[in-house]
Amino acid sequence: MAAEYLLSEGNYNVMLCERGVRTFSDFSRNTLDLAVVPAVKKRSHFPSSSIQPRHRQASQGLPLSRAAVAVGADGLLIEVHHQPDKALSDGMQSLLPEEFIALADEMRQIAAVLHRTIN
């Protein structure tokens, strides 16, 4: 009910965000459950659901980002940094700008197959 509380106080710019859950596995930072996206869209009155693929390396987040578009996520939070090794936060999972541009193009292609668009 946290999101409803924000609405009740007049903030209508609310987006639900799936960041994954901590598990015993150290392979990834958080285990991302993409099945939650269509479930929340079906059960919630909120217009959007967003994914933040939390991972230990940028290469792990690329397929999760593509999959998030395929299951219907309305937004993604993706770290991008021109020098990830010098980033103050989350450098290991940051994409280089050119990697992000390529990913955005791939996500647009996936969205087009599903008759959706990505800005």
PDB file of N, CA and C in Angstrom:
ATOM      1  N   MET A   1       0.809  -1.207   0.000  1.00  0.00           N
ATOM      2  CA  MET A   1       0.000   0.000   0.000  1.00  0.00           C
ATOM      3  C   MET A   1       0.854   1.273   0.000  1.00  0.00           C
ATOM      4  N   ALA A   2       2.164   1.143  -0.109  1.00  0.00           N
ATOM      5  CA  ALA A   2       3.033   2.317  -0.098  1.00  0.00           C
ATOM      6  C   ALA A   2       2.735   3.226  -1.291  1.00  0.00           C
ATOM      7  N   ALA A   3       2.500   2.631  -2.453  1.00  0.00           N
ATOM      8  CA  ALA A   3       2.218   3.439  -3.637  1.00  0.00           C
ATOM      9  C   ALA A   3       0.891   4.184  -3.478  1.00  0.00           C
ATOM     10  N   GLU A   4      -0.100   3.530  -2.910  1.00  0.00           N
ATOM     11  CA  GLU A   4      -1.389   4.178  -2.679  1.00  0.00           C
ATOM     12  C   GLU A   4      -1.258   5.334  -1.692  1.00  0.00           C
ATOM     13  N   TYR A   5      -0.389   5.180  -0.711  1.00  0.00           N
ATOM     14  CA  TYR A   5      -0.135   6.267   0.241  1.00  0.00           C
ATOM     15  C   TYR A   5       0.399   7.492  -0.488  1.00  0.00           C
ATOM     16  N   LEU A   6       1.333   7.292  -1.414  1.00  0.00           N
ATOM     17  CA  LEU A   6       1.860   8.419  -2.189  1.00  0.00           C
ATOM     18  C   LEU A   6       0.753   9.092  -2.989  1.00  0.00           C
ATOM     19  N   LEU A   7      -0.104   8.292  -3.594  1.00  0.00           N
ATOM     20  CA  LEU A   7      -1.227   8.853  -4.351  1.00  0.00           C
ATOM     21  C   LEU A   7      -2.154   9.662  -3.448  1.00  0.00           C
ATOM     22  N   SER A   8      -2.416   9.130  -2.261  1.00  0.00           N
ATOM     23  CA  SER A   8      -3.336   9.806  -1.349  1.00  0.00           C
ATOM     24  C   SER A   8      -2.806  11.157  -0.888  1.00  0.00           C
ATOM     25  N   GLU A   9      -1.501  11.346  -0.958  1.00  0.00           N
ATOM     26  CA  GLU A   9      -0.885  12.615  -0.560  1.00  0.00           C
ATOM     27  C   GLU A   9      -0.704  13.564  -1.744  1.00  0.00           C
ATOM     28  N   GLY A  10      -1.230  13.164  -2.925  1.00  0.00           N
ATOM     29  CA  GLY A  10      -1.209  14.060  -4.072  1.00  0.00           C
ATOM     30  C   GLY A  10      -0.103  13.819  -5.077  1.00  0.00           C
ATOM     31  N   ASN A  11       0.751  12.832  -4.864  1.00  0.00           N
ATOM     32  CA  ASN A  11       1.798  12.533  -5.834  1.00  0.00           C
ATOM     33  C   ASN A  11       1.264  11.480  -6.794  1.00  0.00           C
ATOM     34  N   TYR A  12       0.992  11.874  -8.024  1.00  0.00           N
ATOM     35  CA  TYR A  12       0.447  10.956  -9.013  1.00  0.00           C
ATOM     36  C   TYR A  12       1.516  10.450  -9.978  1.00  0.00           C
ATOM     37  N   ASN A  13       2.761  10.807  -9.749  1.00  0.00           N
ATOM     38  CA  ASN A  13       3.875  10.349 -10.579  1.00  0.00           C
ATOM     39  C   ASN A  13       4.536   9.150  -9.904  1.00  0.00           C
ATOM     40  N   VAL A  14       3.814   8.049  -9.879  1.00  0.00           N
ATOM     41  CA  VAL A  14       4.273   6.852  -9.187  1.00  0.00           C
ATOM     42  C   VAL A  14       4.505   5.745 -10.203  1.00  0.00           C
ATOM     43  N   MET A  15       5.643   5.110 -10.095  1.00  0.00           N
ATOM     44  CA  MET A  15       5.963   3.971 -10.950  1.00  0.00           C
ATOM     45  C   MET A  15       6.481   2.852 -10.058  1.00  0.00           C
ATOM     46  N   LEU A  16       5.961   1.664 -10.254  1.00  0.00           N
ATOM     47  CA  LEU A  16       6.438   0.511  -9.508  1.00  0.00           C
ATOM     48  C   LEU A  16       7.714   0.002 -10.162  1.00  0.00           C
ATOM     49  N   CYS A  17       8.672  -0.391  -9.360  1.00  0.00           N
ATOM     50  CA  CYS A  17       9.975  -0.797  -9.888  1.00  0.00           C
ATOM     51  C   CYS A  17      10.391  -2.135  -9.298  1.00  0.00           C
ATOM     52  N   GLU A  18      10.664  -3.092 -10.148  1.00  0.00           N
ATOM     53  CA  GLU A  18      11.167  -4.411  -9.742  1.00  0.00           C
ATOM     54  C   GLU A  18      12.694  -4.364  -9.802  1.00  0.00           C
ATOM     55  N   ARG A  19      13.325  -4.525  -8.653  1.00  0.00           N
ATOM     56  CA  ARG A  19      14.784  -4.491  -8.603  1.00  0.00           C
ATOM     57  C   ARG A  19      15.374  -5.862  -8.336  1.00  0.00           C
ATOM     58  N   GLY A  20      14.531  -6.847  -8.105  1.00  0.00           N
ATOM     59  CA  GLY A  20      15.020  -8.173  -7.782  1.00  0.00           C
ATOM     60  C   GLY A  20      15.105  -8.365  -6.280  1.00  0.00           C
ATOM     61  N   VAL A  21      15.373  -9.579  -5.884  1.00  0.00           N
ATOM     62  CA  VAL A  21      15.473  -9.914  -4.470  1.00  0.00           C
ATOM     63  C   VAL A  21      16.827 -10.541  -4.191  1.00  0.00           C
ATOM     64  N   ARG A  22      17.273 -10.378  -2.972  1.00  0.00           N
ATOM     65  CA  ARG A  22      18.529 -11.017  -2.559  1.00  0.00           C
ATOM     66  C   ARG A  22      18.262 -12.503  -2.335  1.00  0.00           C
ATOM     67  N   THR A  23      19.183 -13.312  -2.804  1.00  0.00           N
ATOM     68  CA  THR A  23      19.091 -14.750  -2.590  1.00  0.00           C
ATOM     69  C   THR A  23      20.436 -15.252  -2.082  1.00  0.00           C
ATOM     70  N   PHE A  24      20.541 -16.539  -1.902  1.00  0.00           N
ATOM     71  CA  PHE A  24      21.798 -17.141  -1.466  1.00  0.00           C
ATOM     72  C   PHE A  24      22.847 -17.127  -2.569  1.00  0.00           C
ATOM     73  N   SER A  25      22.423 -16.953  -3.796  1.00  0.00           N
ATOM     74  CA  SER A  25      23.344 -16.979  -4.931  1.00  0.00           C
ATOM     75  C   SER A  25      24.196 -15.718  -4.964  1.00  0.00           C
ATOM     76  N   ASP A  26      25.472 -15.888  -5.225  1.00  0.00           N
ATOM     77  CA  ASP A  26      26.329 -14.713  -5.382  1.00  0.00           C
ATOM     78  C   ASP A  26      26.653 -14.470  -6.851  1.00  0.00           C
ATOM     79  N   PHE A  27      25.974 -15.211  -7.741  1.00  0.00           N
ATOM     80  CA  PHE A  27      26.188 -15.029  -9.174  1.00  0.00           C
ATOM     81  C   PHE A  27      25.720 -13.660  -9.640  1.00  0.00           C
ATOM     82  N   SER A  28      24.604 -13.214  -9.087  1.00  0.00           N
ATOM     83  CA  SER A  28      24.069 -11.907  -9.445  1.00  0.00           C
ATOM     84  C   SER A  28      23.815 -11.112  -8.176  1.00  0.00           C
ATOM     85  N   ARG A  29      23.765  -9.819  -8.326  1.00  0.00           N
ATOM     86  CA  ARG A  29      23.537  -8.950  -7.168  1.00  0.00           C
ATOM     87  C   ARG A  29      22.158  -9.197  -6.575  1.00  0.00           C
ATOM     88  N   ASN A  30      21.146  -9.239  -7.424  1.00  0.00           N
ATOM     89  CA  ASN A  30      19.775  -9.552  -7.034  1.00  0.00           C
ATOM     90  C   ASN A  30      19.190 -10.480  -8.088  1.00  0.00           C
ATOM     91  N   THR A  31      18.263 -11.331  -7.676  1.00  0.00           N
ATOM     92  CA  THR A  31      17.596 -12.215  -8.617  1.00  0.00           C
ATOM     93  C   THR A  31      16.364 -11.492  -9.135  1.00  0.00           C
ATOM     94  N   LEU A  32      16.346 -11.225 -10.415  1.00  0.00           N
ATOM     95  CA  LEU A  32      15.268 -10.461 -11.039  1.00  0.00           C
ATOM     96  C   LEU A  32      14.149 -11.399 -11.463  1.00  0.00           C
ATOM     97  N   ASP A  33      12.942 -11.116 -11.017  1.00  0.00           N
ATOM     98  CA  ASP A  33      11.775 -11.927 -11.357  1.00  0.00           C
ATOM     99  C   ASP A  33      10.956 -11.187 -12.403  1.00  0.00           C
ATOM    100  N   LEU A  34      11.196 -11.505 -13.665  1.00  0.00           N
ATOM    101  CA  LEU A  34      10.493 -10.816 -14.748  1.00  0.00           C
ATOM    102  C   LEU A  34       9.022 -11.217 -14.835  1.00  0.00           C
ATOM    103  N   ALA A  35       8.653 -12.321 -14.204  1.00  0.00           N
ATOM    104  CA  ALA A  35       7.250 -12.733 -14.212  1.00  0.00           C
ATOM    105  C   ALA A  35       6.372 -11.735 -13.468  1.00  0.00           C
ATOM    106  N   VAL A  36       6.983 -10.920 -12.622  1.00  0.00           N
ATOM    107  CA  VAL A  36       6.203  -9.955 -11.851  1.00  0.00           C
ATOM    108  C   VAL A  36       5.648  -8.831 -12.748  1.00  0.00           C
ATOM    109  N   VAL A  37       6.289  -8.549 -13.871  1.00  0.00           N
ATOM    110  CA  VAL A  37       5.841  -7.439 -14.725  1.00  0.00           C
ATOM    111  C   VAL A  37       4.428  -7.671 -15.248  1.00  0.00           C
ATOM    112  N   PRO A  38       4.157  -8.768 -15.962  1.00  0.00           N
ATOM    113  CA  PRO A  38       2.772  -8.945 -16.423  1.00  0.00           C
ATOM    114  C   PRO A  38       1.785  -9.146 -15.259  1.00  0.00           C
ATOM    115  N   ALA A  39       2.255  -9.728 -14.156  1.00  0.00           N
ATOM    116  CA  ALA A  39       1.368  -9.919 -13.005  1.00  0.00           C
ATOM    117  C   ALA A  39       0.943  -8.577 -12.420  1.00  0.00           C
ATOM    118  N   VAL A  40       1.879  -7.663 -12.259  1.00  0.00           N
ATOM    119  CA  VAL A  40       1.551  -6.344 -11.705  1.00  0.00           C
ATOM    120  C   VAL A  40       0.688  -5.560 -12.680  1.00  0.00           C
ATOM    121  N   LYS A  41       0.988  -5.641 -13.960  1.00  0.00           N
ATOM    122  CA  LYS A  41       0.187  -4.918 -14.952  1.00  0.00           C
ATOM    123  C   LYS A  41      -1.264  -5.415 -14.954  1.00  0.00           C
ATOM    124  N   LYS A  42      -1.456  -6.702 -14.692  1.00  0.00           N
ATOM    125  CA  LYS A  42      -2.803  -7.268 -14.671  1.00  0.00           C
ATOM    126  C   LYS A  42      -3.561  -6.883 -13.411  1.00  0.00           C
ATOM    127  N   ARG A  43      -2.868  -6.826 -12.274  1.00  0.00           N
ATOM    128  CA  ARG A  43      -3.527  -6.646 -10.983  1.00  0.00           C
ATOM    129  C   ARG A  43      -3.522  -5.209 -10.466  1.00  0.00           C
ATOM    130  N   SER A  44      -2.748  -4.351 -11.100  1.00  0.00           N
ATOM    131  CA  SER A  44      -2.570  -3.013 -10.563  1.00  0.00           C
ATOM    132  C   SER A  44      -3.229  -1.969 -11.452  1.00  0.00           C
ATOM    133  N   HIS A  45      -3.583  -0.873 -10.836  1.00  0.00           N
ATOM    134  CA  HIS A  45      -4.135   0.241 -11.604  1.00  0.00           C
ATOM    135  C   HIS A  45      -3.039   1.210 -12.046  1.00  0.00           C
ATOM    136  N   PHE A  46      -1.802   0.933 -11.673  1.00  0.00           N
ATOM    137  CA  PHE A  46      -0.701   1.817 -12.051  1.00  0.00           C
ATOM    138  C   PHE A  46      -0.385   1.657 -13.524  1.00  0.00           C
ATOM    139  N   PRO A  47      -0.084   2.758 -14.192  1.00  0.00           N
ATOM    140  CA  PRO A  47       0.114   2.712 -15.639  1.00  0.00           C
ATOM    141  C   PRO A  47       1.422   2.070 -16.072  1.00  0.00           C
ATOM    142  N   SER A  48       2.386   1.962 -15.192  1.00  0.00           N
ATOM    143  CA  SER A  48       3.696   1.494 -15.631  1.00  0.00           C
ATOM    144  C   SER A  48       4.314   0.554 -14.614  1.00  0.00           C
ATOM    145  N   SER A  49       5.152  -0.290 -15.113  1.00  0.00           N
ATOM    146  CA  SER A  49       6.044  -1.044 -14.243  1.00  0.00           C
ATOM    147  C   SER A  49       7.431  -0.919 -14.840  1.00  0.00           C
ATOM    148  N   SER A  50       8.403  -0.841 -14.000  1.00  0.00           N
ATOM    149  CA  SER A  50       9.761  -0.584 -14.432  1.00  0.00           C
ATOM    150  C   SER A  50      10.688  -1.652 -13.880  1.00  0.00           C
ATOM    151  N   ILE A  51      11.777  -1.846 -14.558  1.00  0.00           N
ATOM    152  CA  ILE A  51      12.757  -2.851 -14.174  1.00  0.00           C
ATOM    153  C   ILE A  51      14.101  -2.166 -13.975  1.00  0.00           C
ATOM    154  N   GLN A  52      14.771  -2.524 -12.929  1.00  0.00           N
ATOM    155  CA  GLN A  52      16.162  -2.112 -12.768  1.00  0.00           C
ATOM    156  C   GLN A  52      16.987  -3.387 -12.681  1.00  0.00           C
ATOM    157  N   PRO A  53      17.580  -3.796 -13.814  1.00  0.00           N
ATOM    158  CA  PRO A  53      18.372  -5.019 -13.806  1.00  0.00           C
ATOM    159  C   PRO A  53      19.633  -4.836 -12.970  1.00  0.00           C
ATOM    160  N   ARG A  54      19.619  -5.296 -11.732  1.00  0.00           N
ATOM    161  CA  ARG A  54      20.770  -5.185 -10.844  1.00  0.00           C
ATOM    162  C   ARG A  54      21.631  -6.420 -11.045  1.00  0.00           C
ATOM    163  N   HIS A  55      22.870  -6.229 -11.324  1.00  0.00           N
ATOM    164  CA  HIS A  55      23.741  -7.332 -11.656  1.00  0.00           C
ATOM    165  C   HIS A  55      25.156  -6.994 -11.253  1.00  0.00           C
ATOM    166  N   ARG A  56      26.025  -7.955 -11.323  1.00  0.00           N
ATOM    167  CA  ARG A  56      27.418  -7.746 -10.930  1.00  0.00           C
ATOM    168  C   ARG A  56      28.276  -7.234 -12.085  1.00  0.00           C
ATOM    169  N   GLN A  57      27.847  -7.458 -13.301  1.00  0.00           N
ATOM    170  CA  GLN A  57      28.591  -6.992 -14.462  1.00  0.00           C
ATOM    171  C   GLN A  57      27.609  -6.485 -15.499  1.00  0.00           C
ATOM    172  N   ALA A  58      28.033  -5.511 -16.280  1.00  0.00           N
ATOM    173  CA  ALA A  58      27.161  -4.944 -17.301  1.00  0.00           C
ATOM    174  C   ALA A  58      26.668  -6.009 -18.270  1.00  0.00           C
ATOM    175  N   SER A  59      27.516  -6.969 -18.610  1.00  0.00           N
ATOM    176  CA  SER A  59      27.127  -7.998 -19.581  1.00  0.00           C
ATOM    177  C   SER A  59      25.947  -8.835 -19.087  1.00  0.00           C
ATOM    178  N   GLN A  60      25.758  -8.957 -17.778  1.00  0.00           N
ATOM    179  CA  GLN A  60      24.614  -9.699 -17.248  1.00  0.00           C
ATOM    180  C   GLN A  60      23.318  -8.912 -17.404  1.00  0.00           C
ATOM    181  N   GLY A  61      23.399  -7.615 -17.371  1.00  0.00           N
ATOM    182  CA  GLY A  61      22.201  -6.795 -17.467  1.00  0.00           C
ATOM    183  C   GLY A  61      21.654  -6.664 -18.866  1.00  0.00           C
ATOM    184  N   LEU A  62      22.475  -6.890 -19.879  1.00  0.00           N
ATOM    185  CA  LEU A  62      22.012  -6.743 -21.256  1.00  0.00           C
ATOM    186  C   LEU A  62      20.868  -7.696 -21.595  1.00  0.00           C
ATOM    187  N   PRO A  63      21.006  -9.004 -21.362  1.00  0.00           N
ATOM    188  CA  PRO A  63      19.879  -9.891 -21.691  1.00  0.00           C
ATOM    189  C   PRO A  63      18.660  -9.644 -20.806  1.00  0.00           C
ATOM    190  N   LEU A  64      18.864  -9.228 -19.559  1.00  0.00           N
ATOM    191  CA  LEU A  64      17.727  -8.930 -18.690  1.00  0.00           C
ATOM    192  C   LEU A  64      16.967  -7.712 -19.194  1.00  0.00           C
ATOM    193  N   SER A  65      17.684  -6.736 -19.705  1.00  0.00           N
ATOM    194  CA  SER A  65      17.031  -5.542 -20.252  1.00  0.00           C
ATOM    195  C   SER A  65      16.202  -5.901 -21.475  1.00  0.00           C
ATOM    196  N   ARG A  66      16.759  -6.723 -22.352  1.00  0.00           N
ATOM    197  CA  ARG A  66      16.013  -7.166 -23.543  1.00  0.00           C
ATOM    198  C   ARG A  66      14.762  -7.943 -23.123  1.00  0.00           C
ATOM    199  N   ALA A  67      14.925  -8.838 -22.155  1.00  0.00           N
ATOM    200  CA  ALA A  67      13.801  -9.650 -21.685  1.00  0.00           C
ATOM    201  C   ALA A  67      12.732  -8.792 -21.025  1.00  0.00           C
ATOM    202  N   ALA A  68      13.143  -7.757 -20.315  1.00  0.00           N
ATOM    203  CA  ALA A  68      12.182  -6.874 -19.654  1.00  0.00           C
ATOM    204  C   ALA A  68      11.270  -6.208 -20.668  1.00  0.00           C
ATOM    205  N   VAL A  69      11.826  -5.793 -21.789  1.00  0.00           N
ATOM    206  CA  VAL A  69      11.004  -5.200 -22.854  1.00  0.00           C
ATOM    207  C   VAL A  69      10.038  -6.252 -23.384  1.00  0.00           C
ATOM    208  N   ALA A  70      10.538  -7.478 -23.567  1.00  0.00           N
ATOM    209  CA  ALA A  70       9.704  -8.549 -24.120  1.00  0.00           C
ATOM    210  C   ALA A  70       8.521  -8.897 -23.221  1.00  0.00           C
ATOM    211  N   VAL A  71       8.680  -8.792 -21.890  1.00  0.00           N
ATOM    212  CA  VAL A  71       7.563  -9.134 -20.996  1.00  0.00           C
ATOM    213  C   VAL A  71       6.650  -7.950 -20.715  1.00  0.00           C
ATOM    214  N   GLY A  72       6.986  -6.768 -21.247  1.00  0.00           N
ATOM    215  CA  GLY A  72       6.068  -5.637 -21.142  1.00  0.00           C
ATOM    216  C   GLY A  72       6.446  -4.532 -20.192  1.00  0.00           C
ATOM    217  N   ALA A  73       7.685  -4.510 -19.694  1.00  0.00           N
ATOM    218  CA  ALA A  73       8.086  -3.412 -18.806  1.00  0.00           C
ATOM    219  C   ALA A  73       7.965  -2.089 -19.546  1.00  0.00           C
ATOM    220  N   ASP A  74       7.490  -1.086 -18.849  1.00  0.00           N
ATOM    221  CA  ASP A  74       7.310   0.233 -19.447  1.00  0.00           C
ATOM    222  C   ASP A  74       8.531   1.117 -19.278  1.00  0.00           C
ATOM    223  N   GLY A  75       9.490   0.687 -18.508  1.00  0.00           N
ATOM    224  CA  GLY A  75      10.688   1.494 -18.308  1.00  0.00           C
ATOM    225  C   GLY A  75      11.822   0.649 -17.773  1.00  0.00           C
ATOM    226  N   LEU A  76      13.014   1.107 -17.987  1.00  0.00           N
ATOM    227  CA  LEU A  76      14.198   0.452 -17.443  1.00  0.00           C
ATOM    228  C   LEU A  76      15.102   1.518 -16.854  1.00  0.00           C
ATOM    229  N   LEU A  77      15.746   1.186 -15.754  1.00  0.00           N
ATOM    230  CA  LEU A  77      16.747   2.050 -15.144  1.00  0.00           C
ATOM    231  C   LEU A  77      18.092   1.400 -15.414  1.00  0.00           C
ATOM    232  N   ILE A  78      18.904   2.030 -16.243  1.00  0.00           N
ATOM    233  CA  ILE A  78      20.168   1.436 -16.668  1.00  0.00           C
ATOM    234  C   ILE A  78      21.283   2.442 -16.421  1.00  0.00           C
ATOM    235  N   GLU A  79      22.304   2.000 -15.687  1.00  0.00           N
ATOM    236  CA  GLU A  79      23.460   2.881 -15.442  1.00  0.00           C
ATOM    237  C   GLU A  79      24.323   2.954 -16.691  1.00  0.00           C
ATOM    238  N   VAL A  80      24.714   4.178 -17.041  1.00  0.00           N
ATOM    239  CA  VAL A  80      25.602   4.419 -18.183  1.00  0.00           C
ATOM    240  C   VAL A  80      26.684   5.377 -17.707  1.00  0.00           C
ATOM    241  N   HIS A  81      27.924   5.054 -18.029  1.00  0.00           N
ATOM    242  CA  HIS A  81      29.043   5.898 -17.610  1.00  0.00           C
ATOM    243  C   HIS A  81      30.143   5.795 -18.652  1.00  0.00           C
ATOM    244  N   HIS A  82      30.755   6.921 -18.971  1.00  0.00           N
ATOM    245  CA  HIS A  82      31.814   6.914 -19.984  1.00  0.00           C
ATOM    246  C   HIS A  82      33.122   6.320 -19.458  1.00  0.00           C
ATOM    247  N   GLN A  83      33.276   6.219 -18.148  1.00  0.00           N
ATOM    248  CA  GLN A  83      34.432   5.568 -17.530  1.00  0.00           C
ATOM    249  C   GLN A  83      33.947   4.759 -16.324  1.00  0.00           C
ATOM    250  N   PRO A  84      33.371   3.582 -16.568  1.00  0.00           N
ATOM    251  CA  PRO A  84      32.785   2.805 -15.474  1.00  0.00           C
ATOM    252  C   PRO A  84      33.752   2.517 -14.330  1.00  0.00           C
ATOM    253  N   ASP A  85      35.030   2.359 -14.636  1.00  0.00           N
ATOM    254  CA  ASP A  85      35.993   2.070 -13.581  1.00  0.00           C
ATOM    255  C   ASP A  85      36.213   3.260 -12.660  1.00  0.00           C
ATOM    256  N   LYS A  86      35.759   4.440 -13.069  1.00  0.00           N
ATOM    257  CA  LYS A  86      35.886   5.637 -12.238  1.00  0.00           C
ATOM    258  C   LYS A  86      34.546   6.126 -11.703  1.00  0.00           C
ATOM    259  N   ALA A  87      33.492   5.364 -11.948  1.00  0.00           N
ATOM    260  CA  ALA A  87      32.164   5.755 -11.473  1.00  0.00           C
ATOM    261  C   ALA A  87      32.132   5.731  -9.956  1.00  0.00           C
ATOM    262  N   LEU A  88      31.430   6.676  -9.359  1.00  0.00           N
ATOM    263  CA  LEU A  88      31.311   6.733  -7.901  1.00  0.00           C
ATOM    264  C   LEU A  88      30.400   5.642  -7.355  1.00  0.00           C
ATOM    265  N   SER A  89      29.531   5.107  -8.210  1.00  0.00           N
ATOM    266  CA  SER A  89      28.584   4.093  -7.779  1.00  0.00           C
ATOM    267  C   SER A  89      28.277   3.149  -8.937  1.00  0.00           C
ATOM    268  N   ASP A  90      28.211   1.865  -8.653  1.00  0.00           N
ATOM    269  CA  ASP A  90      27.756   0.856  -9.619  1.00  0.00           C
ATOM    270  C   ASP A  90      28.547   0.818 -10.924  1.00  0.00           C
ATOM    271  N   GLY A  91      29.820   1.107 -10.872  1.00  0.00           N
ATOM    272  CA  GLY A  91      30.638   1.107 -12.080  1.00  0.00           C
ATOM    273  C   GLY A  91      30.674  -0.220 -12.801  1.00  0.00           C
ATOM    274  N   MET A  92      30.717  -1.326 -12.035  1.00  0.00           N
ATOM    275  CA  MET A  92      30.804  -2.652 -12.667  1.00  0.00           C
ATOM    276  C   MET A  92      29.572  -2.980 -13.506  1.00  0.00           C
ATOM    277  N   GLN A  93      28.449  -2.391 -13.159  1.00  0.00           N
ATOM    278  CA  GLN A  93      27.240  -2.705 -13.920  1.00  0.00           C
ATOM    279  C   GLN A  93      26.888  -1.599 -14.913  1.00  0.00           C
ATOM    280  N   SER A  94      27.724  -0.601 -15.028  1.00  0.00           N
ATOM    281  CA  SER A  94      27.456   0.503 -15.957  1.00  0.00           C
ATOM    282  C   SER A  94      27.840   0.125 -17.376  1.00  0.00           C
ATOM    283  N   LEU A  95      26.997   0.539 -18.306  1.00  0.00           N
ATOM    284  CA  LEU A  95      27.298   0.375 -19.719  1.00  0.00           C
ATOM    285  C   LEU A  95      28.053   1.592 -20.220  1.00  0.00           C
ATOM    286  N   LEU A  96      28.876   1.380 -21.212  1.00  0.00           N
ATOM    287  CA  LEU A  96      29.481   2.508 -21.917  1.00  0.00           C
ATOM    288  C   LEU A  96      28.401   3.139 -22.785  1.00  0.00           C
ATOM    289  N   PRO A  97      28.507   4.431 -23.094  1.00  0.00           N
ATOM    290  CA  PRO A  97      27.464   5.069 -23.916  1.00  0.00           C
ATOM    291  C   PRO A  97      27.183   4.337 -25.224  1.00  0.00           C
ATOM    292  N   GLU A  98      28.220   3.864 -25.897  1.00  0.00           N
ATOM    293  CA  GLU A  98      28.002   3.162 -27.168  1.00  0.00           C
ATOM    294  C   GLU A  98      27.313   1.813 -26.959  1.00  0.00           C
ATOM    295  N   GLU A  99      27.549   1.168 -25.820  1.00  0.00           N
ATOM    296  CA  GLU A  99      26.843  -0.073 -25.503  1.00  0.00           C
ATOM    297  C   GLU A  99      25.369   0.202 -25.252  1.00  0.00           C
ATOM    298  N   PHE A 100      25.095   1.316 -24.576  1.00  0.00           N
ATOM    299  CA  PHE A 100      23.704   1.676 -24.316  1.00  0.00           C
ATOM    300  C   PHE A 100      22.970   1.989 -25.619  1.00  0.00           C
ATOM    301  N   ILE A 101      23.619   2.683 -26.529  1.00  0.00           N
ATOM    302  CA  ILE A 101      22.997   3.004 -27.822  1.00  0.00           C
ATOM    303  C   ILE A 101      22.637   1.720 -28.566  1.00  0.00           C
ATOM    304  N   ALA A 102      23.562   0.748 -28.572  1.00  0.00           N
ATOM    305  CA  ALA A 102      23.293  -0.539 -29.231  1.00  0.00           C
ATOM    306  C   ALA A 102      22.146  -1.271 -28.537  1.00  0.00           C
ATOM    307  N   LEU A 103      22.140  -1.269 -27.202  1.00  0.00           N
ATOM    308  CA  LEU A 103      21.065  -1.917 -26.446  1.00  0.00           C
ATOM    309  C   LEU A 103      19.723  -1.257 -26.742  1.00  0.00           C
ATOM    310  N   ALA A 104      19.687   0.056 -26.767  1.00  0.00           N
ATOM    311  CA  ALA A 104      18.436   0.770 -27.049  1.00  0.00           C
ATOM    312  C   ALA A 104      17.895   0.391 -28.424  1.00  0.00           C
ATOM    313  N   ASP A 105      18.783   0.240 -29.404  1.00  0.00           N
ATOM    314  CA  ASP A 105      18.359  -0.171 -30.742  1.00  0.00           C
ATOM    315  C   ASP A 105      17.770  -1.578 -30.705  1.00  0.00           C
ATOM    316  N   GLU A 106      18.419  -2.487 -29.985  1.00  0.00           N
ATOM    317  CA  GLU A 106      17.902  -3.852 -29.863  1.00  0.00           C
ATOM    318  C   GLU A 106      16.539  -3.859 -29.170  1.00  0.00           C
ATOM    319  N   MET A 107      16.406  -3.053 -28.125  1.00  0.00           N
ATOM    320  CA  MET A 107      15.130  -3.019 -27.398  1.00  0.00           C
ATOM    321  C   MET A 107      14.020  -2.449 -28.273  1.00  0.00           C
ATOM    322  N   ARG A 108      14.345  -1.479 -29.123  1.00  0.00           N
ATOM    323  CA  ARG A 108      13.340  -0.939 -30.063  1.00  0.00           C
ATOM    324  C   ARG A 108      12.878  -2.023 -31.023  1.00  0.00           C
ATOM    325  N   GLN A 109      13.797  -2.863 -31.479  1.00  0.00           N
ATOM    326  CA  GLN A 109      13.438  -3.949 -32.392  1.00  0.00           C
ATOM    327  C   GLN A 109      12.535  -4.966 -31.693  1.00  0.00           C
ATOM    328  N   ILE A 110      12.851  -5.302 -30.457  1.00  0.00           N
ATOM    329  CA  ILE A 110      12.012  -6.228 -29.690  1.00  0.00           C
ATOM    330  C   ILE A 110      10.628  -5.631 -29.490  1.00  0.00           C
ATOM    331  N   ALA A 111      10.581  -4.367 -29.113  1.00  0.00           N
ATOM    332  CA  ALA A 111       9.298  -3.699 -28.886  1.00  0.00           C
ATOM    333  C   ALA A 111       8.462  -3.669 -30.160  1.00  0.00           C
ATOM    334  N   ALA A 112       9.096  -3.440 -31.296  1.00  0.00           N
ATOM    335  CA  ALA A 112       8.371  -3.366 -32.570  1.00  0.00           C
ATOM    336  C   ALA A 112       7.670  -4.689 -32.889  1.00  0.00           C
ATOM    337  N   VAL A 113       8.320  -5.802 -32.579  1.00  0.00           N
ATOM    338  CA  VAL A 113       7.707  -7.118 -32.805  1.00  0.00           C
ATOM    339  C   VAL A 113       6.426  -7.248 -31.989  1.00  0.00           C
ATOM    340  N   LEU A 114       6.397  -6.605 -30.818  1.00  0.00           N
ATOM    341  CA  LEU A 114       5.241  -6.665 -29.935  1.00  0.00           C
ATOM    342  C   LEU A 114       4.281  -5.494 -30.131  1.00  0.00           C
ATOM    343  N   HIS A 115       4.469  -4.760 -31.236  1.00  0.00           N
ATOM    344  CA  HIS A 115       3.637  -3.603 -31.565  1.00  0.00           C
ATOM    345  C   HIS A 115       3.685  -2.529 -30.483  1.00  0.00           C
ATOM    346  N   ARG A 116       4.872  -2.348 -29.916  1.00  0.00           N
ATOM    347  CA  ARG A 116       5.101  -1.307 -28.910  1.00  0.00           C
ATOM    348  C   ARG A 116       6.222  -0.406 -29.434  1.00  0.00           C
ATOM    349  N   THR A 117       6.379   0.742 -28.830  1.00  0.00           N
ATOM    350  CA  THR A 117       7.470   1.642 -29.206  1.00  0.00           C
ATOM    351  C   THR A 117       8.261   2.017 -27.956  1.00  0.00           C
ATOM    352  N   ILE A 118       9.513   2.368 -28.181  1.00  0.00           N
ATOM    353  CA  ILE A 118      10.393   2.849 -27.113  1.00  0.00           C
ATOM    354  C   ILE A 118      10.895   4.198 -27.539  1.00  0.00           C
ATOM    355  N   ASN A 119      10.804   5.167 -26.650  1.00  0.00           N
ATOM    356  CA  ASN A 119      11.311   6.512 -26.938  1.00  0.00           C
ATOM    357  C   ASN A 119      12.816   6.538 -26.801  1.00  0.00           C
TER     358      ASN A 119
END
